[in-house]
Amino acid sequence: MLGFIDNLRSYLDEIAPFETRKDIYYTVFILMLFWLIKTIAIKIIRGGKDLDIKKQFYWSKTIEYSLAFIALLLVGNIWIRNFQSITTFLGLLSAGIAIALKDIFVNIAGWIFIYWRKPFDVGDRIEIGGHKGDVIDIRLFQFSILEVGNWVDADQSTGRLIHIPNGRVFAEPQANYNQGFPYIWNEQNIYISLDSNHIKAQTLLKEILHKLCKDEFANIEREMVLAQRDKLISFNQYTPTVYIKIMERGIQLSLRYLCPPRKRRTYEHQVTENILDGFRHQTDIKIVYPITSVFIDKA
């Protein structure tokens, strides 16, 4: 038995010295230990009833990145024993790496900026560089949004995921639908003929808007106070209104109201339904729309 062990040890020494094998054992042990810690920690977090999904996501990501960084330091300490001797080499190498991997470092800086300054957060609806959607993940090199708009009307989801490099936050302006004031102004235009009773039409439209938006008034007023205090955001009025303008097609009635960003399509649908129902029996109000004439040559 002892002979077998000696032969095995000699065989292993030929493949790799004892010190190298010891480093491998330590490395595997550290990786397994940290993997086990991460698995247990994430299971505990996801099993917590007091944390919502968003907080669970953040804690999971924080633990994952922290453990990975600590494990990297420990493994690096094992394999790089004479760290000071390679400092000069790394200093010379860093200049070349900075040039070759410029975009990577910019993306890492963008990731730090996103977490530090919070121009947007997971769950926010944003627009950056012509892309609009809901932020679903923020990683070291890029963040992901669930696209809305594009070929789909009224900011509805397209179902596509768009991955955007973090460095874009330094080069592109970002529009955030949620920060500061969690409502957006929406406008819908309808046109009535010049001989229509526009005063009556305005009155009916205001009644429709107030009926549909009255449940939000208390929330809007509360959020308005917070926005004025924290971001100096203020509006002259926040109740729905109707503006009138004479156009080539007739009289334009612009319905302007505040709504949550993700309910824009729902509000437009409800407003349109109520307009059609409310104007249906009004003989002195006529909705107009473009008509394309079709000529048929019978010759």
C-alpha atoms as a PDB file:
ATOM      1  CA  MET A   1       0.000   0.000   0.000  1.00  0.00           C
ATOM      2  CA  LEU A   2       2.833   2.346   0.905  1.00  0.00           C
ATOM      3  CA  GLY A   3       4.551   1.494  -2.362  1.00  0.00           C
ATOM      4  CA  PHE A   4       1.461   2.388  -4.320  1.00  0.00           C
ATOM      5  CA  ILE A   5       1.244   5.729  -2.543  1.00  0.00           C
ATOM      6  CA  ASP A   6       4.926   6.438  -3.237  1.00  0.00           C
ATOM      7  CA  ASN A   7       4.492   5.548  -6.916  1.00  0.00           C
ATOM      8  CA  LEU A   8       1.396   7.768  -7.154  1.00  0.00           C
ATOM      9  CA  ARG A   9       3.265  10.614  -5.494  1.00  0.00           C
ATOM     10  CA  SER A  10       6.193  10.210  -7.883  1.00  0.00           C
ATOM     11  CA  TYR A  11       3.817  10.144 -10.848  1.00  0.00           C
ATOM     12  CA  LEU A  12       2.086  13.297  -9.680  1.00  0.00           C
ATOM     13  CA  ASP A  13       5.466  15.007  -9.103  1.00  0.00           C
ATOM     14  CA  GLU A  14       6.342  14.320 -12.726  1.00  0.00           C
ATOM     15  CA  ILE A  15       3.103  15.943 -13.879  1.00  0.00           C
ATOM     16  CA  ALA A  16       3.220  18.938 -11.517  1.00  0.00           C
ATOM     17  CA  PRO A  17       5.375  19.812  -8.489  1.00  0.00           C
ATOM     18  CA  PHE A  18       3.875  19.484  -5.049  1.00  0.00           C
ATOM     19  CA  GLU A  19       3.643  23.278  -4.578  1.00  0.00           C
ATOM     20  CA  THR A  20       1.704  23.630  -7.831  1.00  0.00           C
ATOM     21  CA  ARG A  21      -0.684  20.825  -6.870  1.00  0.00           C
ATOM     22  CA  LYS A  22      -1.192  22.464  -3.480  1.00  0.00           C
ATOM     23  CA  ASP A  23      -2.072  25.734  -5.180  1.00  0.00           C
ATOM     24  CA  ILE A  24      -4.574  23.883  -7.376  1.00  0.00           C
ATOM     25  CA  TYR A  25      -6.155  22.237  -4.346  1.00  0.00           C
ATOM     26  CA  TYR A  26      -6.450  25.587  -2.549  1.00  0.00           C
ATOM     27  CA  THR A  27      -7.919  27.204  -5.658  1.00  0.00           C
ATOM     28  CA  VAL A  28     -10.542  24.489  -6.126  1.00  0.00           C
ATOM     29  CA  PHE A  29     -11.379  24.643  -2.416  1.00  0.00           C
ATOM     30  CA  ILE A  30     -11.837  28.435  -2.509  1.00  0.00           C
ATOM     31  CA  LEU A  31     -13.999  28.311  -5.651  1.00  0.00           C
ATOM     32  CA  MET A  32     -16.179  25.526  -4.254  1.00  0.00           C
ATOM     33  CA  LEU A  33     -16.492  27.302  -0.894  1.00  0.00           C
ATOM     34  CA  PHE A  34     -17.515  30.598  -2.446  1.00  0.00           C
ATOM     35  CA  TRP A  35     -19.910  28.854  -4.850  1.00  0.00           C
ATOM     36  CA  LEU A  36     -21.533  27.158  -1.857  1.00  0.00           C
ATOM     37  CA  ILE A  37     -21.754  30.455   0.064  1.00  0.00           C
ATOM     38  CA  LYS A  38     -23.323  32.195  -2.939  1.00  0.00           C
ATOM     39  CA  THR A  39     -25.866  29.402  -3.465  1.00  0.00           C
ATOM     40  CA  ILE A  40     -26.931  29.396   0.189  1.00  0.00           C
ATOM     41  CA  ALA A  41     -27.064  33.205   0.398  1.00  0.00           C
ATOM     42  CA  ILE A  42     -29.185  33.565  -2.751  1.00  0.00           C
ATOM     43  CA  LYS A  43     -31.517  30.803  -1.580  1.00  0.00           C
ATOM     44  CA  ILE A  44     -31.969  32.626   1.740  1.00  0.00           C
ATOM     45  CA  ILE A  45     -32.615  35.936  -0.004  1.00  0.00           C
ATOM     46  CA  ARG A  46     -35.143  34.500  -2.442  1.00  0.00           C
ATOM     47  CA  GLY A  47     -36.885  32.724   0.378  1.00  0.00           C
ATOM     48  CA  GLY A  48     -37.278  35.920   2.384  1.00  0.00           C
ATOM     49  CA  LYS A  49     -40.898  37.052   2.578  1.00  0.00           C
ATOM     50  CA  ASP A  50     -40.031  40.609   3.636  1.00  0.00           C
ATOM     51  CA  LEU A  51     -38.077  41.415   0.430  1.00  0.00           C
ATOM     52  CA  ASP A  52     -39.813  42.241  -2.820  1.00  0.00           C
ATOM     53  CA  ILE A  53     -38.514  40.931  -6.151  1.00  0.00           C
ATOM     54  CA  LYS A  54     -36.553  44.095  -6.889  1.00  0.00           C
ATOM     55  CA  LYS A  55     -34.667  44.001  -3.569  1.00  0.00           C
ATOM     56  CA  GLN A  56     -34.029  40.275  -3.960  1.00  0.00           C
ATOM     57  CA  PHE A  57     -32.517  40.971  -7.377  1.00  0.00           C
ATOM     58  CA  TYR A  58     -30.222  43.687  -6.004  1.00  0.00           C
ATOM     59  CA  TRP A  59     -29.044  41.674  -3.012  1.00  0.00           C
ATOM     60  CA  SER A  60     -28.376  38.650  -5.217  1.00  0.00           C
ATOM     61  CA  LYS A  61     -26.302  40.723  -7.652  1.00  0.00           C
ATOM     62  CA  THR A  62     -24.409  42.443  -4.816  1.00  0.00           C
ATOM     63  CA  ILE A  63     -23.522  39.146  -3.160  1.00  0.00           C
ATOM     64  CA  GLU A  64     -22.535  37.587  -6.492  1.00  0.00           C
ATOM     65  CA  TYR A  65     -20.176  40.441  -7.454  1.00  0.00           C
ATOM     66  CA  SER A  66     -18.721  40.760  -3.934  1.00  0.00           C
ATOM     67  CA  LEU A  67     -17.948  37.059  -3.599  1.00  0.00           C
ATOM     68  CA  ALA A  68     -16.458  36.939  -7.087  1.00  0.00           C
ATOM     69  CA  PHE A  69     -14.168  39.879  -6.265  1.00  0.00           C
ATOM     70  CA  ILE A  70     -13.021  38.377  -2.945  1.00  0.00           C
ATOM     71  CA  ALA A  71     -12.443  34.967  -4.544  1.00  0.00           C
ATOM     72  CA  LEU A  72     -10.389  36.615  -7.309  1.00  0.00           C
ATOM     73  CA  LEU A  73      -8.190  38.326  -4.714  1.00  0.00           C
ATOM     74  CA  LEU A  74      -7.646  35.085  -2.774  1.00  0.00           C
ATOM     75  CA  VAL A  75      -6.879  33.020  -5.874  1.00  0.00           C
ATOM     76  CA  GLY A  76      -4.602  35.758  -7.194  1.00  0.00           C
ATOM     77  CA  ASN A  77      -2.738  35.812  -3.880  1.00  0.00           C
ATOM     78  CA  ILE A  78      -2.130  32.062  -4.218  1.00  0.00           C
ATOM     79  CA  TRP A  79      -0.749  32.116  -7.744  1.00  0.00           C
ATOM     80  CA  ILE A  80       1.075  35.444  -7.661  1.00  0.00           C
ATOM     81  CA  ARG A  81       3.449  35.087  -4.728  1.00  0.00           C
ATOM     82  CA  ASN A  82       5.881  37.795  -5.663  1.00  0.00           C
ATOM     83  CA  PHE A  83       3.392  40.508  -6.417  1.00  0.00           C
ATOM     84  CA  GLN A  84       5.849  43.376  -6.067  1.00  0.00           C
ATOM     85  CA  SER A  85       8.137  41.949  -8.735  1.00  0.00           C
ATOM     86  CA  ILE A  86       5.472  42.231 -11.401  1.00  0.00           C
ATOM     87  CA  THR A  87       4.249  45.715 -10.415  1.00  0.00           C
ATOM     88  CA  THR A  88       6.547  47.410 -12.897  1.00  0.00           C
ATOM     89  CA  PHE A  89       5.535  45.023 -15.655  1.00  0.00           C
ATOM     90  CA  LEU A  90       1.856  45.586 -14.949  1.00  0.00           C
ATOM     91  CA  GLY A  91       2.398  49.342 -14.958  1.00  0.00           C
ATOM     92  CA  LEU A  92       3.929  49.204 -18.427  1.00  0.00           C
ATOM     93  CA  LEU A  93       1.287  46.787 -19.625  1.00  0.00           C
ATOM     94  CA  SER A  94      -1.603  48.856 -18.319  1.00  0.00           C
ATOM     95  CA  ALA A  95      -1.034  51.655 -20.850  1.00  0.00           C
ATOM     96  CA  GLY A  96      -1.360  49.228 -23.749  1.00  0.00           C
ATOM     97  CA  ILE A  97      -4.359  47.533 -22.188  1.00  0.00           C
ATOM     98  CA  ALA A  98      -6.070  50.887 -21.610  1.00  0.00           C
ATOM     99  CA  ILE A  99      -5.796  51.678 -25.314  1.00  0.00           C
ATOM    100  CA  ALA A 100      -6.715  48.223 -26.598  1.00  0.00           C
ATOM    101  CA  LEU A 101      -9.589  47.748 -24.176  1.00  0.00           C
ATOM    102  CA  LYS A 102     -10.793  51.344 -24.031  1.00  0.00           C
ATOM    103  CA  ASP A 103     -14.459  50.446 -24.588  1.00  0.00           C
ATOM    104  CA  ILE A 104     -14.367  47.855 -21.816  1.00  0.00           C
ATOM    105  CA  PHE A 105     -13.014  50.373 -19.308  1.00  0.00           C
ATOM    106  CA  VAL A 106     -15.556  52.967 -20.450  1.00  0.00           C
ATOM    107  CA  ASN A 107     -18.336  50.431 -19.899  1.00  0.00           C
ATOM    108  CA  ILE A 108     -17.017  49.618 -16.413  1.00  0.00           C
ATOM    109  CA  ALA A 109     -16.893  53.343 -15.638  1.00  0.00           C
ATOM    110  CA  GLY A 110     -20.454  53.612 -16.955  1.00  0.00           C
ATOM    111  CA  TRP A 111     -21.533  50.770 -14.655  1.00  0.00           C
ATOM    112  CA  ILE A 112     -20.006  52.579 -11.669  1.00  0.00           C
ATOM    113  CA  PHE A 113     -21.709  55.805 -12.745  1.00  0.00           C
ATOM    114  CA  ILE A 114     -25.104  54.083 -13.084  1.00  0.00           C
ATOM    115  CA  TYR A 115     -24.883  52.587  -9.593  1.00  0.00           C
ATOM    116  CA  TRP A 116     -23.466  55.767  -8.074  1.00  0.00           C
ATOM    117  CA  ARG A 117     -25.519  58.554  -9.685  1.00  0.00           C
ATOM    118  CA  LYS A 118     -28.629  56.458 -10.464  1.00  0.00           C
ATOM    119  CA  PRO A 119     -29.679  58.073 -13.777  1.00  0.00           C
ATOM    120  CA  PHE A 120     -31.981  55.054 -13.996  1.00  0.00           C
ATOM    121  CA  ASP A 121     -32.689  51.896 -12.048  1.00  0.00           C
ATOM    122  CA  VAL A 122     -34.018  48.414 -12.685  1.00  0.00           C
ATOM    123  CA  GLY A 123     -37.736  48.766 -13.361  1.00  0.00           C
ATOM    124  CA  ASP A 124     -37.506  52.310 -14.772  1.00  0.00           C
ATOM    125  CA  ARG A 125     -38.774  53.111 -18.241  1.00  0.00           C
ATOM    126  CA  ILE A 126     -36.098  55.045 -20.127  1.00  0.00           C
ATOM    127  CA  GLU A 127     -35.131  56.234 -23.588  1.00  0.00           C
ATOM    128  CA  ILE A 128     -31.490  56.387 -24.663  1.00  0.00           C
ATOM    129  CA  GLY A 129     -30.025  56.762 -28.127  1.00  0.00           C
ATOM    130  CA  GLY A 130     -33.383  56.244 -29.826  1.00  0.00           C
ATOM    131  CA  HIS A 131     -34.100  53.055 -27.854  1.00  0.00           C
ATOM    132  CA  LYS A 132     -36.982  53.048 -25.396  1.00  0.00           C
ATOM    133  CA  GLY A 133     -37.931  50.390 -22.879  1.00  0.00           C
ATOM    134  CA  ASP A 134     -38.047  49.102 -19.309  1.00  0.00           C
ATOM    135  CA  VAL A 135     -34.685  48.417 -17.613  1.00  0.00           C
ATOM    136  CA  ILE A 136     -34.610  44.768 -16.556  1.00  0.00           C
ATOM    137  CA  ASP A 137     -30.919  44.215 -15.770  1.00  0.00           C
ATOM    138  CA  ILE A 138     -27.714  46.186 -15.167  1.00  0.00           C
ATOM    139  CA  ARG A 139     -24.470  44.261 -15.584  1.00  0.00           C
ATOM    140  CA  LEU A 140     -20.771  45.151 -15.560  1.00  0.00           C
ATOM    141  CA  PHE A 141     -20.496  45.921 -19.284  1.00  0.00           C
ATOM    142  CA  GLN A 142     -24.064  46.529 -20.434  1.00  0.00           C
ATOM    143  CA  PHE A 143     -27.625  46.989 -19.300  1.00  0.00           C
ATOM    144  CA  SER A 144     -30.733  45.462 -20.856  1.00  0.00           C
ATOM    145  CA  ILE A 145     -34.121  46.972 -21.628  1.00  0.00           C
ATOM    146  CA  LEU A 146     -37.384  45.377 -22.677  1.00  0.00           C
ATOM    147  CA  GLU A 147     -38.212  47.446 -25.737  1.00  0.00           C
ATOM    148  CA  VAL A 148     -41.423  49.440 -26.047  1.00  0.00           C
ATOM    149  CA  GLY A 149     -42.689  51.487 -28.963  1.00  0.00           C
ATOM    150  CA  ASN A 150     -40.858  51.121 -32.279  1.00  0.00           C
ATOM    151  CA  TRP A 151     -43.445  49.534 -34.602  1.00  0.00           C
ATOM    152  CA  VAL A 152     -45.906  49.078 -31.706  1.00  0.00           C
ATOM    153  CA  ASP A 153     -48.164  52.027 -30.925  1.00  0.00           C
ATOM    154  CA  ALA A 154     -48.519  53.937 -27.628  1.00  0.00           C
ATOM    155  CA  ASP A 155     -45.407  52.597 -25.881  1.00  0.00           C
ATOM    156  CA  GLN A 156     -46.525  48.982 -25.791  1.00  0.00           C
ATOM    157  CA  SER A 157     -43.900  46.246 -25.440  1.00  0.00           C
ATOM    158  CA  THR A 158     -42.410  44.730 -28.599  1.00  0.00           C
ATOM    159  CA  GLY A 159     -41.072  41.691 -26.730  1.00  0.00           C
ATOM    160  CA  ARG A 160     -37.486  42.373 -27.810  1.00  0.00           C
ATOM    161  CA  LEU A 161     -34.543  42.701 -25.430  1.00  0.00           C
ATOM    162  CA  ILE A 162     -32.010  45.412 -26.266  1.00  0.00           C
ATOM    163  CA  HIS A 163     -28.544  45.227 -24.703  1.00  0.00           C
ATOM    164  CA  ILE A 164     -26.864  48.641 -24.477  1.00  0.00           C
ATOM    165  CA  PRO A 165     -23.210  49.220 -23.476  1.00  0.00           C
ATOM    166  CA  ASN A 166     -22.903  51.080 -20.169  1.00  0.00           C
ATOM    167  CA  GLY A 167     -20.568  53.622 -21.773  1.00  0.00           C
ATOM    168  CA  ARG A 168     -23.506  55.059 -23.709  1.00  0.00           C
ATOM    169  CA  VAL A 169     -24.613  56.917 -20.566  1.00  0.00           C
ATOM    170  CA  PHE A 170     -21.650  59.301 -21.103  1.00  0.00           C
ATOM    171  CA  ALA A 171     -22.440  59.967 -24.776  1.00  0.00           C
ATOM    172  CA  GLU A 172     -26.240  59.820 -25.041  1.00  0.00           C
ATOM    173  CA  PRO A 173     -28.918  61.803 -23.198  1.00  0.00           C
ATOM    174  CA  GLN A 174     -31.282  59.622 -21.181  1.00  0.00           C
ATOM    175  CA  ALA A 175     -34.982  60.236 -20.664  1.00  0.00           C
ATOM    176  CA  ASN A 176     -36.396  58.659 -17.510  1.00  0.00           C
ATOM    177  CA  TYR A 177     -40.162  58.180 -17.304  1.00  0.00           C
ATOM    178  CA  ASN A 178     -40.170  57.340 -13.580  1.00  0.00           C
ATOM    179  CA  GLN A 179     -37.696  59.562 -11.775  1.00  0.00           C
ATOM    180  CA  GLY A 180     -38.727  62.918 -10.380  1.00  0.00           C
ATOM    181  CA  PHE A 181     -42.396  62.654 -11.309  1.00  0.00           C
ATOM    182  CA  PRO A 182     -43.973  59.261 -12.118  1.00  0.00           C
ATOM    183  CA  TYR A 183     -46.547  60.632 -14.589  1.00  0.00           C
ATOM    184  CA  ILE A 184     -46.296  61.820 -18.177  1.00  0.00           C
ATOM    185  CA  TRP A 185     -48.435  64.210 -20.179  1.00  0.00           C
ATOM    186  CA  ASN A 186     -50.365  62.507 -22.940  1.00  0.00           C
ATOM    187  CA  GLU A 187     -52.246  64.229 -25.755  1.00  0.00           C
ATOM    188  CA  GLN A 188     -54.977  62.977 -28.061  1.00  0.00           C
ATOM    189  CA  ASN A 189     -56.315  65.003 -30.965  1.00  0.00           C
ATOM    190  CA  ILE A 190     -59.743  64.768 -32.549  1.00  0.00           C
ATOM    191  CA  TYR A 191     -61.190  66.942 -35.279  1.00  0.00           C
ATOM    192  CA  ILE A 192     -64.725  68.256 -35.632  1.00  0.00           C
ATOM    193  CA  SER A 193     -66.282  70.212 -38.474  1.00  0.00           C
ATOM    194  CA  LEU A 194     -66.262  74.032 -38.451  1.00  0.00           C
ATOM    195  CA  ASP A 195     -70.040  74.162 -38.042  1.00  0.00           C
ATOM    196  CA  SER A 196     -69.970  71.885 -34.963  1.00  0.00           C
ATOM    197  CA  ASN A 197     -70.785  73.163 -31.494  1.00  0.00           C
ATOM    198  CA  HIS A 198     -67.199  73.347 -30.285  1.00  0.00           C
ATOM    199  CA  ILE A 199     -68.113  74.707 -26.830  1.00  0.00           C
ATOM    200  CA  LYS A 200     -70.352  71.720 -26.204  1.00  0.00           C
ATOM    201  CA  ALA A 201     -67.661  69.380 -27.545  1.00  0.00           C
ATOM    202  CA  GLN A 202     -65.060  70.870 -25.176  1.00  0.00           C
ATOM    203  CA  THR A 203     -67.417  70.482 -22.229  1.00  0.00           C
ATOM    204  CA  LEU A 204     -68.119  66.840 -23.050  1.00  0.00           C
ATOM    205  CA  LEU A 205     -64.432  66.075 -23.478  1.00  0.00           C
ATOM    206  CA  LYS A 206     -63.505  67.686 -20.145  1.00  0.00           C
ATOM    207  CA  GLU A 207     -66.225  65.660 -18.410  1.00  0.00           C
ATOM    208  CA  ILE A 208     -64.839  62.471 -19.976  1.00  0.00           C
ATOM    209  CA  LEU A 209     -61.277  63.251 -18.872  1.00  0.00           C
ATOM    210  CA  HIS A 210     -62.266  64.191 -15.336  1.00  0.00           C
ATOM    211  CA  LYS A 211     -64.326  61.032 -15.006  1.00  0.00           C
ATOM    212  CA  LEU A 212     -61.458  58.788 -16.141  1.00  0.00           C
ATOM    213  CA  CYS A 213     -58.660  60.590 -14.275  1.00  0.00           C
ATOM    214  CA  LYS A 214     -60.345  61.510 -10.993  1.00  0.00           C
ATOM    215  CA  ASP A 215     -59.026  58.396  -9.205  1.00  0.00           C
ATOM    216  CA  GLU A 216     -55.459  59.549  -9.924  1.00  0.00           C
ATOM    217  CA  PHE A 217     -55.875  63.141  -8.733  1.00  0.00           C
ATOM    218  CA  ALA A 218     -54.895  62.409  -5.118  1.00  0.00           C
ATOM    219  CA  ASN A 219     -51.754  60.498  -6.180  1.00  0.00           C
ATOM    220  CA  ILE A 220     -50.831  63.166  -8.724  1.00  0.00           C
ATOM    221  CA  GLU A 221     -51.173  65.924  -6.143  1.00  0.00           C
ATOM    222  CA  ARG A 222     -49.026  64.022  -3.644  1.00  0.00           C
ATOM    223  CA  GLU A 223     -46.338  63.285  -6.238  1.00  0.00           C
ATOM    224  CA  MET A 224     -46.427  66.909  -7.389  1.00  0.00           C
ATOM    225  CA  VAL A 225     -45.561  68.096  -3.868  1.00  0.00           C
ATOM    226  CA  LEU A 226     -42.626  65.666  -3.720  1.00  0.00           C
ATOM    227  CA  ALA A 227     -41.432  66.685  -7.188  1.00  0.00           C
ATOM    228  CA  GLN A 228     -41.501  70.386  -6.302  1.00  0.00           C
ATOM    229  CA  ARG A 229     -39.542  69.727  -3.128  1.00  0.00           C
ATOM    230  CA  ASP A 230     -36.920  67.308  -4.475  1.00  0.00           C
ATOM    231  CA  LYS A 231     -36.508  68.195  -8.163  1.00  0.00           C
ATOM    232  CA  LEU A 232     -38.071  71.670  -8.504  1.00  0.00           C
ATOM    233  CA  ILE A 233     -40.545  70.183 -10.984  1.00  0.00           C
ATOM    234  CA  SER A 234     -43.773  72.145 -11.210  1.00  0.00           C
ATOM    235  CA  PHE A 235     -46.707  72.590 -13.575  1.00  0.00           C
ATOM    236  CA  ASN A 236     -49.188  75.432 -13.726  1.00  0.00           C
ATOM    237  CA  GLN A 237     -51.948  72.852 -13.620  1.00  0.00           C
ATOM    238  CA  TYR A 238     -52.200  69.096 -13.432  1.00  0.00           C
ATOM    239  CA  THR A 239     -55.887  68.564 -14.110  1.00  0.00           C
ATOM    240  CA  PRO A 240     -56.985  67.438 -17.588  1.00  0.00           C
ATOM    241  CA  THR A 241     -57.765  70.140 -20.110  1.00  0.00           C
ATOM    242  CA  VAL A 242     -58.828  70.563 -23.731  1.00  0.00           C
ATOM    243  CA  TYR A 243     -57.230  73.011 -26.155  1.00  0.00           C
ATOM    244  CA  ILE A 244     -58.821  74.210 -29.378  1.00  0.00           C
ATOM    245  CA  LYS A 245     -57.233  75.188 -32.674  1.00  0.00           C
ATOM    246  CA  ILE A 246     -58.482  75.813 -36.215  1.00  0.00           C
ATOM    247  CA  MET A 247     -56.820  73.534 -38.755  1.00  0.00           C
ATOM    248  CA  GLU A 248     -57.280  72.733 -42.439  1.00  0.00           C
ATOM    249  CA  ARG A 249     -59.275  69.637 -41.520  1.00  0.00           C
ATOM    250  CA  GLY A 250     -61.559  71.585 -39.194  1.00  0.00           C
ATOM    251  CA  ILE A 251     -61.455  72.345 -35.487  1.00  0.00           C
ATOM    252  CA  GLN A 252     -58.728  70.473 -33.622  1.00  0.00           C
ATOM    253  CA  LEU A 253     -59.506  69.535 -30.027  1.00  0.00           C
ATOM    254  CA  SER A 254     -56.387  68.485 -28.099  1.00  0.00           C
ATOM    255  CA  LEU A 255     -57.033  66.449 -24.960  1.00  0.00           C
ATOM    256  CA  ARG A 256     -54.146  66.812 -22.525  1.00  0.00           C
ATOM    257  CA  TYR A 257     -53.929  64.773 -19.323  1.00  0.00           C
ATOM    258  CA  LEU A 258     -51.459  63.122 -16.940  1.00  0.00           C
ATOM    259  CA  CYS A 259     -51.207  59.341 -16.853  1.00  0.00           C
ATOM    260  CA  PRO A 260     -48.763  56.660 -15.622  1.00  0.00           C
ATOM    261  CA  PRO A 261     -46.251  55.807 -18.386  1.00  0.00           C
ATOM    262  CA  ARG A 262     -47.285  52.152 -18.548  1.00  0.00           C
ATOM    263  CA  LYS A 263     -51.006  52.968 -18.779  1.00  0.00           C
ATOM    264  CA  ARG A 264     -50.835  55.334 -21.734  1.00  0.00           C
ATOM    265  CA  ARG A 265     -52.394  52.853 -24.156  1.00  0.00           C
ATOM    266  CA  THR A 266     -55.144  51.970 -21.664  1.00  0.00           C
ATOM    267  CA  TYR A 267     -56.037  55.613 -21.119  1.00  0.00           C
ATOM    268  CA  GLU A 268     -56.122  56.317 -24.864  1.00  0.00           C
ATOM    269  CA  HIS A 269     -58.421  53.341 -25.371  1.00  0.00           C
ATOM    270  CA  GLN A 270     -60.797  54.420 -22.602  1.00  0.00           C
ATOM    271  CA  VAL A 271     -60.831  58.050 -23.734  1.00  0.00           C
ATOM    272  CA  THR A 272     -61.546  57.036 -27.341  1.00  0.00           C
ATOM    273  CA  GLU A 273     -64.382  54.719 -26.305  1.00  0.00           C
ATOM    274  CA  ASN A 274     -65.999  57.453 -24.226  1.00  0.00           C
ATOM    275  CA  ILE A 275     -65.640  60.014 -27.013  1.00  0.00           C
ATOM    276  CA  LEU A 276     -67.341  57.735 -29.525  1.00  0.00           C
ATOM    277  CA  ASP A 277     -70.135  56.924 -27.077  1.00  0.00           C
ATOM    278  CA  GLY A 278     -70.545  60.547 -25.996  1.00  0.00           C
ATOM    279  CA  PHE A 279     -70.579  62.058 -29.496  1.00  0.00           C
ATOM    280  CA  ARG A 280     -72.735  59.363 -31.078  1.00  0.00           C
ATOM    281  CA  HIS A 281     -76.030  61.066 -30.238  1.00  0.00           C
ATOM    282  CA  GLN A 282     -74.860  64.670 -30.578  1.00  0.00           C
ATOM    283  CA  THR A 283     -76.348  65.942 -33.835  1.00  0.00           C
ATOM    284  CA  ASP A 284     -74.546  69.280 -33.574  1.00  0.00           C
ATOM    285  CA  ILE A 285     -71.066  67.727 -33.260  1.00  0.00           C
ATOM    286  CA  LYS A 286     -69.488  65.994 -36.266  1.00  0.00           C
ATOM    287  CA  ILE A 287     -66.141  64.227 -36.091  1.00  0.00           C
ATOM    288  CA  VAL A 288     -64.169  64.691 -39.323  1.00  0.00           C
ATOM    289  CA  TYR A 289     -61.323  62.644 -40.759  1.00  0.00           C
ATOM    290  CA  PRO A 290     -59.275  62.610 -43.986  1.00  0.00           C
ATOM    291  CA  ILE A 291     -61.034  61.093 -47.003  1.00  0.00           C
ATOM    292  CA  THR A 292     -59.149  59.767 -49.989  1.00  0.00           C
ATOM    293  CA  SER A 293     -61.127  60.065 -53.195  1.00  0.00           C
ATOM    294  CA  VAL A 294     -61.063  57.143 -55.605  1.00  0.00           C
ATOM    295  CA  PHE A 295     -61.753  57.782 -59.270  1.00  0.00           C
ATOM    296  CA  ILE A 296     -62.828  54.923 -61.504  1.00  0.00           C
ATOM    297  CA  ASP A 297     -62.307  55.319 -65.220  1.00  0.00           C
ATOM    298  CA  LYS A 298     -65.295  53.688 -66.915  1.00  0.00           C
ATOM    299  CA  ALA A 299     -63.982  54.327 -70.428  1.00  0.00           C
END
